[in-house]
């Protein structure tokens, strides 16, 4: 894997973990973190650049989902945050 691609993967991994930490519910938070770690461990040996690109795009989409879910969760259970969709 190229150094820039490795850096991009690590940046995305950290962003996913960081965003998952924002879940206030313990079960949501631990499930998301466990799934992220398991998925990255499972795919760490992949060397095909097309497959890596496909997995990166999937992870970016999942990051967007997590961001929306955190926002919705916070807005529903903590009325001090506005609902942003």
PDB file of N, CA and C in Angstrom:
ATOM      1  N   UNK A   1       0.860  -1.177   0.000  1.00  0.00           N
ATOM      2  CA  UNK A   1       0.000   0.000   0.000  1.00  0.00           C
ATOM      3  C   UNK A   1       0.899   1.232   0.000  1.00  0.00           C
ATOM      4  N   UNK A   2       0.574   2.193  -0.822  1.00  0.00           N
ATOM      5  CA  UNK A   2       1.332   3.432  -0.890  1.00  0.00           C
ATOM      6  C   UNK A   2       1.197   4.215   0.415  1.00  0.00           C
ATOM      7  N   UNK A   3       2.207   5.024   0.697  1.00  0.00           N
ATOM      8  CA  UNK A   3       2.212   5.782   1.959  1.00  0.00           C
ATOM      9  C   UNK A   3       1.012   6.721   2.055  1.00  0.00           C
ATOM     10  N   UNK A   4       0.661   7.373   0.938  1.00  0.00           N
ATOM     11  CA  UNK A   4      -0.480   8.293   0.974  1.00  0.00           C
ATOM     12  C   UNK A   4      -1.785   7.536   1.200  1.00  0.00           C
ATOM     13  N   UNK A   5      -1.882   6.347   0.602  1.00  0.00           N
ATOM     14  CA  UNK A   5      -3.080   5.540   0.789  1.00  0.00           C
ATOM     15  C   UNK A   5      -3.164   5.055   2.228  1.00  0.00           C
ATOM     16  N   UNK A   6      -2.037   4.668   2.790  1.00  0.00           N
ATOM     17  CA  UNK A   6      -1.999   4.228   4.197  1.00  0.00           C
ATOM     18  C   UNK A   6      -2.403   5.369   5.120  1.00  0.00           C
ATOM     19  N   UNK A   7      -1.895   6.552   4.852  1.00  0.00           N
ATOM     20  CA  UNK A   7      -2.242   7.720   5.671  1.00  0.00           C
ATOM     21  C   UNK A   7      -3.730   8.025   5.570  1.00  0.00           C
ATOM     22  N   UNK A   8      -4.277   7.891   4.377  1.00  0.00           N
ATOM     23  CA  UNK A   8      -5.700   8.144   4.169  1.00  0.00           C
ATOM     24  C   UNK A   8      -6.546   7.136   4.947  1.00  0.00           C
ATOM     25  N   UNK A   9      -6.142   5.871   4.922  1.00  0.00           N
ATOM     26  CA  UNK A   9      -6.868   4.827   5.656  1.00  0.00           C
ATOM     27  C   UNK A   9      -6.808   5.103   7.152  1.00  0.00           C
ATOM     28  N   UNK A  10      -5.628   5.443   7.661  1.00  0.00           N
ATOM     29  CA  UNK A  10      -5.485   5.717   9.092  1.00  0.00           C
ATOM     30  C   UNK A  10      -6.293   6.937   9.513  1.00  0.00           C
ATOM     31  N   UNK A  11      -6.314   7.961   8.662  1.00  0.00           N
ATOM     32  CA  UNK A  11      -7.109   9.165   8.953  1.00  0.00           C
ATOM     33  C   UNK A  11      -8.596   8.817   9.044  1.00  0.00           C
ATOM     34  N   UNK A  12      -9.051   8.003   8.116  1.00  0.00           N
ATOM     35  CA  UNK A  12     -10.458   7.595   8.104  1.00  0.00           C
ATOM     36  C   UNK A  12     -10.781   6.711   9.312  1.00  0.00           C
ATOM     37  N   UNK A  13      -9.871   5.812   9.661  1.00  0.00           N
ATOM     38  CA  UNK A  13     -10.051   4.950  10.834  1.00  0.00           C
ATOM     39  C   UNK A  13     -10.194   5.789  12.102  1.00  0.00           C
ATOM     40  N   UNK A  14      -9.301   6.748  12.272  1.00  0.00           N
ATOM     41  CA  UNK A  14      -9.372   7.612  13.460  1.00  0.00           C
ATOM     42  C   UNK A  14     -10.638   8.451  13.464  1.00  0.00           C
ATOM     43  N   UNK A  15     -11.058   8.937  12.296  1.00  0.00           N
ATOM     44  CA  UNK A  15     -12.286   9.738  12.212  1.00  0.00           C
ATOM     45  C   UNK A  15     -13.508   8.901  12.596  1.00  0.00           C
ATOM     46  N   UNK A  16     -13.548   7.659  12.135  1.00  0.00           N
ATOM     47  CA  UNK A  16     -14.659   6.772  12.484  1.00  0.00           C
ATOM     48  C   UNK A  16     -14.692   6.508  13.989  1.00  0.00           C
ATOM     49  N   UNK A  17     -13.536   6.224  14.565  1.00  0.00           N
ATOM     50  CA  UNK A  17     -13.489   5.973  16.009  1.00  0.00           C
ATOM     51  C   UNK A  17     -13.861   7.227  16.799  1.00  0.00           C
ATOM     52  N   UNK A  18     -13.359   8.364  16.373  1.00  0.00           N
ATOM     53  CA  UNK A  18     -13.630   9.623  17.071  1.00  0.00           C
ATOM     54  C   UNK A  18     -15.122   9.955  17.030  1.00  0.00           C
ATOM     55  N   UNK A  19     -15.724   9.790  15.869  1.00  0.00           N
ATOM     56  CA  UNK A  19     -17.148  10.090  15.732  1.00  0.00           C
ATOM     57  C   UNK A  19     -17.997   9.099  16.533  1.00  0.00           C
ATOM     58  N   UNK A  20     -17.579   7.853  16.573  1.00  0.00           N
ATOM     59  CA  UNK A  20     -18.314   6.843  17.338  1.00  0.00           C
ATOM     60  C   UNK A  20     -18.279   7.123  18.836  1.00  0.00           C
ATOM     61  N   UNK A  21     -17.231   7.777  19.295  1.00  0.00           N
ATOM     62  CA  UNK A  21     -17.128   8.131  20.718  1.00  0.00           C
ATOM     63  C   UNK A  21     -18.203   9.135  21.124  1.00  0.00           C
ATOM     64  N   UNK A  22     -18.802   9.806  20.161  1.00  0.00           N
ATOM     65  CA  UNK A  22     -19.821  10.812  20.460  1.00  0.00           C
ATOM     66  C   UNK A  22     -21.181  10.216  20.796  1.00  0.00           C
ATOM     67  N   UNK A  23     -21.384   8.915  20.501  1.00  0.00           N
ATOM     68  CA  UNK A  23     -22.641   8.275  20.910  1.00  0.00           C
ATOM     69  C   UNK A  23     -22.721   8.326  22.428  1.00  0.00           C
ATOM     70  N   UNK A  24     -23.815   8.843  22.945  1.00  0.00           N
ATOM     71  CA  UNK A  24     -23.932   8.899  24.396  1.00  0.00           C
ATOM     72  C   UNK A  24     -24.383   7.563  24.973  1.00  0.00           C
ATOM     73  N   UNK A  25     -25.054   6.754  24.186  1.00  0.00           N
ATOM     74  CA  UNK A  25     -25.489   5.442  24.642  1.00  0.00           C
ATOM     75  C   UNK A  25     -24.335   4.449  24.619  1.00  0.00           C
ATOM     76  N   UNK A  26     -24.112   3.810  25.757  1.00  0.00           N
ATOM     77  CA  UNK A  26     -22.992   2.870  25.893  1.00  0.00           C
ATOM     78  C   UNK A  26     -23.059   1.759  24.844  1.00  0.00           C
ATOM     79  N   UNK A  27     -24.221   1.144  24.654  1.00  0.00           N
ATOM     80  CA  UNK A  27     -24.345   0.025  23.714  1.00  0.00           C
ATOM     81  C   UNK A  27     -24.086   0.453  22.277  1.00  0.00           C
ATOM     82  N   UNK A  28     -24.608   1.607  21.874  1.00  0.00           N
ATOM     83  CA  UNK A  28     -24.352   2.122  20.526  1.00  0.00           C
ATOM     84  C   UNK A  28     -22.861   2.373  20.328  1.00  0.00           C
ATOM     85  N   UNK A  29     -22.275   3.018  21.321  1.00  0.00           N
ATOM     86  CA  UNK A  29     -20.856   3.403  21.232  1.00  0.00           C
ATOM     87  C   UNK A  29     -19.961   2.166  21.140  1.00  0.00           C
ATOM     88  N   UNK A  30     -20.138   1.209  22.026  1.00  0.00           N
ATOM     89  CA  UNK A  30     -19.259   0.033  22.022  1.00  0.00           C
ATOM     90  C   UNK A  30     -19.472  -0.825  20.778  1.00  0.00           C
ATOM     91  N   UNK A  31     -20.718  -0.924  20.314  1.00  0.00           N
ATOM     92  CA  UNK A  31     -20.972  -1.699  19.097  1.00  0.00           C
ATOM     93  C   UNK A  31     -20.279  -1.056  17.899  1.00  0.00           C
ATOM     94  N   UNK A  32     -20.420   0.248  17.753  1.00  0.00           N
ATOM     95  CA  UNK A  32     -19.806   0.940  16.618  1.00  0.00           C
ATOM     96  C   UNK A  32     -18.291   0.802  16.651  1.00  0.00           C
ATOM     97  N   UNK A  33     -17.701   0.996  17.797  1.00  0.00           N
ATOM     98  CA  UNK A  33     -16.241   0.902  17.915  1.00  0.00           C
ATOM     99  C   UNK A  33     -15.765  -0.521  17.617  1.00  0.00           C
ATOM    100  N   UNK A  34     -16.469  -1.511  18.144  1.00  0.00           N
ATOM    101  CA  UNK A  34     -16.097  -2.903  17.898  1.00  0.00           C
ATOM    102  C   UNK A  34     -16.189  -3.241  16.411  1.00  0.00           C
ATOM    103  N   UNK A  35     -17.274  -2.804  15.757  1.00  0.00           N
ATOM    104  CA  UNK A  35     -17.445  -3.091  14.320  1.00  0.00           C
ATOM    105  C   UNK A  35     -16.361  -2.417  13.477  1.00  0.00           C
ATOM    106  N   UNK A  36     -16.016  -1.191  13.827  1.00  0.00           N
ATOM    107  CA  UNK A  36     -14.970  -0.478  13.087  1.00  0.00           C
ATOM    108  C   UNK A  36     -13.639  -1.203  13.222  1.00  0.00           C
ATOM    109  N   UNK A  37     -13.263  -1.528  14.448  1.00  0.00           N
ATOM    110  CA  UNK A  37     -11.986  -2.223  14.670  1.00  0.00           C
ATOM    111  C   UNK A  37     -11.957  -3.571  13.969  1.00  0.00           C
ATOM    112  N   UNK A  38     -13.033  -4.335  14.073  1.00  0.00           N
ATOM    113  CA  UNK A  38     -13.084  -5.651  13.434  1.00  0.00           C
ATOM    114  C   UNK A  38     -12.973  -5.537  11.912  1.00  0.00           C
ATOM    115  N   UNK A  39     -13.683  -4.586  11.334  1.00  0.00           N
ATOM    116  CA  UNK A  39     -13.667  -4.427   9.873  1.00  0.00           C
ATOM    117  C   UNK A  39     -12.275  -4.033   9.377  1.00  0.00           C
ATOM    118  N   UNK A  40     -11.608  -3.130  10.075  1.00  0.00           N
ATOM    119  CA  UNK A  40     -10.277  -2.713   9.648  1.00  0.00           C
ATOM    120  C   UNK A  40      -9.260  -3.834   9.845  1.00  0.00           C
ATOM    121  N   UNK A  41      -9.376  -4.590  10.929  1.00  0.00           N
ATOM    122  CA  UNK A  41      -8.475  -5.746  11.134  1.00  0.00           C
ATOM    123  C   UNK A  41      -8.681  -6.794  10.055  1.00  0.00           C
ATOM    124  N   UNK A  42      -9.943  -7.031   9.721  1.00  0.00           N
ATOM    125  CA  UNK A  42     -10.266  -8.043   8.721  1.00  0.00           C
ATOM    126  C   UNK A  42      -9.689  -7.690   7.353  1.00  0.00           C
ATOM    127  N   UNK A  43      -9.632  -6.413   7.044  1.00  0.00           N
ATOM    128  CA  UNK A  43      -9.208  -5.980   5.709  1.00  0.00           C
ATOM    129  C   UNK A  43      -7.789  -5.431   5.652  1.00  0.00           C
ATOM    130  N   UNK A  44      -7.011  -5.600   6.704  1.00  0.00           N
ATOM    131  CA  UNK A  44      -5.681  -4.983   6.731  1.00  0.00           C
ATOM    132  C   UNK A  44      -4.684  -5.645   5.793  1.00  0.00           C
ATOM    133  N   UNK A  45      -4.940  -6.860   5.348  1.00  0.00           N
ATOM    134  CA  UNK A  45      -3.995  -7.551   4.466  1.00  0.00           C
ATOM    135  C   UNK A  45      -4.306  -7.351   2.983  1.00  0.00           C
ATOM    136  N   UNK A  46      -5.347  -6.642   2.671  1.00  0.00           N
ATOM    137  CA  UNK A  46      -5.726  -6.431   1.265  1.00  0.00           C
ATOM    138  C   UNK A  46      -4.727  -5.499   0.592  1.00  0.00           C
ATOM    139  N   UNK A  47      -4.255  -5.914  -0.584  1.00  0.00           N
ATOM    140  CA  UNK A  47      -3.256  -5.134  -1.315  1.00  0.00           C
ATOM    141  C   UNK A  47      -3.764  -4.640  -2.662  1.00  0.00           C
ATOM    142  N   UNK A  48      -4.892  -5.149  -3.115  1.00  0.00           N
ATOM    143  CA  UNK A  48      -5.464  -4.738  -4.396  1.00  0.00           C
ATOM    144  C   UNK A  48      -5.970  -3.299  -4.280  1.00  0.00           C
ATOM    145  N   UNK A  49      -5.416  -2.398  -5.098  1.00  0.00           N
ATOM    146  CA  UNK A  49      -5.745  -0.971  -4.978  1.00  0.00           C
ATOM    147  C   UNK A  49      -7.219  -0.684  -5.275  1.00  0.00           C
ATOM    148  N   UNK A  50      -7.816  -1.424  -6.200  1.00  0.00           N
ATOM    149  CA  UNK A  50      -9.239  -1.223  -6.491  1.00  0.00           C
ATOM    150  C   UNK A  50     -10.107  -1.624  -5.313  1.00  0.00           C
ATOM    151  N   UNK A  51      -9.767  -2.739  -4.682  1.00  0.00           N
ATOM    152  CA  UNK A  51     -10.520  -3.204  -3.517  1.00  0.00           C
ATOM    153  C   UNK A  51     -10.347  -2.230  -2.352  1.00  0.00           C
ATOM    154  N   UNK A  52      -9.138  -1.710  -2.180  1.00  0.00           N
ATOM    155  CA  UNK A  52      -8.885  -0.724  -1.121  1.00  0.00           C
ATOM    156  C   UNK A  52      -9.725   0.520  -1.355  1.00  0.00           C
ATOM    157  N   UNK A  53      -9.772   0.979  -2.597  1.00  0.00           N
ATOM    158  CA  UNK A  53     -10.569   2.164  -2.939  1.00  0.00           C
ATOM    159  C   UNK A  53     -12.049   1.918  -2.665  1.00  0.00           C
ATOM    160  N   UNK A  54     -12.524   0.731  -3.011  1.00  0.00           N
ATOM    161  CA  UNK A  54     -13.925   0.376  -2.760  1.00  0.00           C
ATOM    162  C   UNK A  54     -14.227   0.372  -1.256  1.00  0.00           C
ATOM    163  N   UNK A  55     -13.322  -0.201  -0.470  1.00  0.00           N
ATOM    164  CA  UNK A  55     -13.513  -0.242   0.980  1.00  0.00           C
ATOM    165  C   UNK A  55     -13.429   1.152   1.597  1.00  0.00           C
ATOM    166  N   UNK A  56     -12.560   2.002   1.060  1.00  0.00           N
ATOM    167  CA  UNK A  56     -12.475   3.385   1.537  1.00  0.00           C
ATOM    168  C   UNK A  56     -13.779   4.131   1.290  1.00  0.00           C
ATOM    169  N   UNK A  57     -14.337   3.959   0.115  1.00  0.00           N
ATOM    170  CA  UNK A  57     -15.605   4.619  -0.197  1.00  0.00           C
ATOM    171  C   UNK A  57     -16.726   4.124   0.722  1.00  0.00           C
ATOM    172  N   UNK A  58     -16.725   2.826   1.006  1.00  0.00           N
ATOM    173  CA  UNK A  58     -17.721   2.272   1.912  1.00  0.00           C
ATOM    174  C   UNK A  58     -17.537   2.837   3.321  1.00  0.00           C
ATOM    175  N   UNK A  59     -16.289   2.956   3.754  1.00  0.00           N
ATOM    176  CA  UNK A  59     -16.011   3.502   5.090  1.00  0.00           C
ATOM    177  C   UNK A  59     -16.402   4.973   5.175  1.00  0.00           C
ATOM    178  N   UNK A  60     -16.180   5.732   4.101  1.00  0.00           N
ATOM    179  CA  UNK A  60     -16.588   7.149   4.090  1.00  0.00           C
ATOM    180  C   UNK A  60     -18.106   7.273   4.194  1.00  0.00           C
ATOM    181  N   UNK A  61     -18.806   6.400   3.491  1.00  0.00           N
ATOM    182  CA  UNK A  61     -20.270   6.413   3.576  1.00  0.00           C
ATOM    183  C   UNK A  61     -20.724   6.051   4.994  1.00  0.00           C
ATOM    184  N   UNK A  62     -20.050   5.095   5.607  1.00  0.00           N
ATOM    185  CA  UNK A  62     -20.383   4.723   6.979  1.00  0.00           C
ATOM    186  C   UNK A  62     -20.089   5.849   7.955  1.00  0.00           C
ATOM    187  N   UNK A  63     -19.037   6.607   7.706  1.00  0.00           N
ATOM    188  CA  UNK A  63     -18.728   7.760   8.551  1.00  0.00           C
ATOM    189  C   UNK A  63     -19.863   8.779   8.482  1.00  0.00           C
ATOM    190  N   UNK A  64     -20.380   9.014   7.296  1.00  0.00           N
ATOM    191  CA  UNK A  64     -21.499   9.946   7.145  1.00  0.00           C
ATOM    192  C   UNK A  64     -22.745   9.439   7.887  1.00  0.00           C
ATOM    193  N   UNK A  65     -22.971   8.132   7.833  1.00  0.00           N
ATOM    194  CA  UNK A  65     -24.109   7.554   8.545  1.00  0.00           C
ATOM    195  C   UNK A  65     -23.936   7.748  10.050  1.00  0.00           C
ATOM    196  N   UNK A  66     -22.744   7.472  10.551  1.00  0.00           N
ATOM    197  CA  UNK A  66     -22.483   7.634  11.983  1.00  0.00           C
ATOM    198  C   UNK A  66     -22.679   9.087  12.390  1.00  0.00           C
ATOM    199  N   UNK A  67     -22.196  10.012  11.571  1.00  0.00           N
ATOM    200  CA  UNK A  67     -22.354  11.433  11.891  1.00  0.00           C
ATOM    201  C   UNK A  67     -23.827  11.820  11.967  1.00  0.00           C
ATOM    202  N   UNK A  68     -24.640  11.324  11.024  1.00  0.00           N
ATOM    203  CA  UNK A  68     -26.079  11.612  11.058  1.00  0.00           C
ATOM    204  C   UNK A  68     -26.736  10.996  12.274  1.00  0.00           C
ATOM    205  N   UNK A  69     -26.370   9.749  12.571  1.00  0.00           N
ATOM    206  CA  UNK A  69     -26.975   9.060  13.704  1.00  0.00           C
ATOM    207  C   UNK A  69     -26.633   9.741  15.029  1.00  0.00           C
ATOM    208  N   UNK A  70     -25.399  10.171  15.164  1.00  0.00           N
ATOM    209  CA  UNK A  70     -24.997  10.874  16.383  1.00  0.00           C
ATOM    210  C   UNK A  70     -25.784  12.172  16.519  1.00  0.00           C
ATOM    211  N   UNK A  71     -25.918  12.887  15.421  1.00  0.00           N
ATOM    212  CA  UNK A  71     -26.658  14.146  15.437  1.00  0.00           C
ATOM    213  C   UNK A  71     -28.116  13.908  15.821  1.00  0.00           C
ATOM    214  N   UNK A  72     -28.738  12.909  15.216  1.00  0.00           N
ATOM    215  CA  UNK A  72     -30.129  12.591  15.543  1.00  0.00           C
ATOM    216  C   UNK A  72     -30.277  12.129  16.983  1.00  0.00           C
ATOM    217  N   UNK A  73     -29.363  11.272  17.409  1.00  0.00           N
ATOM    218  CA  UNK A  73     -29.420  10.759  18.772  1.00  0.00           C
ATOM    219  C   UNK A  73     -29.301  11.897  19.779  1.00  0.00           C
ATOM    220  N   UNK A  74     -28.351  12.798  19.520  1.00  0.00           N
ATOM    221  CA  UNK A  74     -28.152  13.925  20.436  1.00  0.00           C
ATOM    222  C   UNK A  74     -29.361  14.864  20.422  1.00  0.00           C
ATOM    223  N   UNK A  75     -29.936  15.083  19.250  1.00  0.00           N
ATOM    224  CA  UNK A  75     -31.061  16.016  19.169  1.00  0.00           C
ATOM    225  C   UNK A  75     -32.327  15.437  19.812  1.00  0.00           C
ATOM    226  N   UNK A  76     -32.490  14.128  19.750  1.00  0.00           N
ATOM    227  CA  UNK A  76     -33.677  13.517  20.339  1.00  0.00           C
ATOM    228  C   UNK A  76     -33.585  13.416  21.858  1.00  0.00           C
ATOM    229  N   UNK A  77     -32.398  13.161  22.360  1.00  0.00           N
ATOM    230  CA  UNK A  77     -32.250  12.917  23.788  1.00  0.00           C
ATOM    231  C   UNK A  77     -31.642  14.086  24.554  1.00  0.00           C
ATOM    232  N   UNK A  78     -31.235  15.102  23.835  1.00  0.00           N
ATOM    233  CA  UNK A  78     -30.688  16.274  24.494  1.00  0.00           C
ATOM    234  C   UNK A  78     -31.186  17.479  23.703  1.00  0.00           C
ATOM    235  N   UNK A  79     -32.199  18.110  24.158  1.00  0.00           N
ATOM    236  CA  UNK A  79     -32.860  19.166  23.398  1.00  0.00           C
ATOM    237  C   UNK A  79     -32.029  20.428  23.237  1.00  0.00           C
ATOM    238  N   UNK A  80     -30.826  20.475  23.777  1.00  0.00           N
ATOM    239  CA  UNK A  80     -29.995  21.670  23.608  1.00  0.00           C
ATOM    240  C   UNK A  80     -29.331  21.710  22.227  1.00  0.00           C
ATOM    241  N   UNK A  81     -29.363  20.564  21.470  1.00  0.00           N
ATOM    242  CA  UNK A  81     -28.798  20.533  20.137  1.00  0.00           C
ATOM    243  C   UNK A  81     -29.930  20.644  19.117  1.00  0.00           C
ATOM    244  N   UNK A  82     -29.782  21.488  18.102  1.00  0.00           N
ATOM    245  CA  UNK A  82     -30.822  21.577  17.076  1.00  0.00           C
ATOM    246  C   UNK A  82     -30.779  20.343  16.167  1.00  0.00           C
ATOM    247  N   UNK A  83     -31.878  20.000  15.585  1.00  0.00           N
ATOM    248  CA  UNK A  83     -31.978  18.877  14.679  1.00  0.00           C
ATOM    249  C   UNK A  83     -31.472  19.304  13.304  1.00  0.00           C
ATOM    250  N   UNK A  84     -30.364  18.721  12.856  1.00  0.00           N
ATOM    251  CA  UNK A  84     -29.773  19.027  11.558  1.00  0.00           C
ATOM    252  C   UNK A  84     -29.817  17.789  10.695  1.00  0.00           C
ATOM    253  N   UNK A  85     -30.517  17.884   9.572  1.00  0.00           N
ATOM    254  CA  UNK A  85     -30.591  16.731   8.667  1.00  0.00           C
ATOM    255  C   UNK A  85     -30.117  17.158   7.301  1.00  0.00           C
TER     256      UNK A  85
END
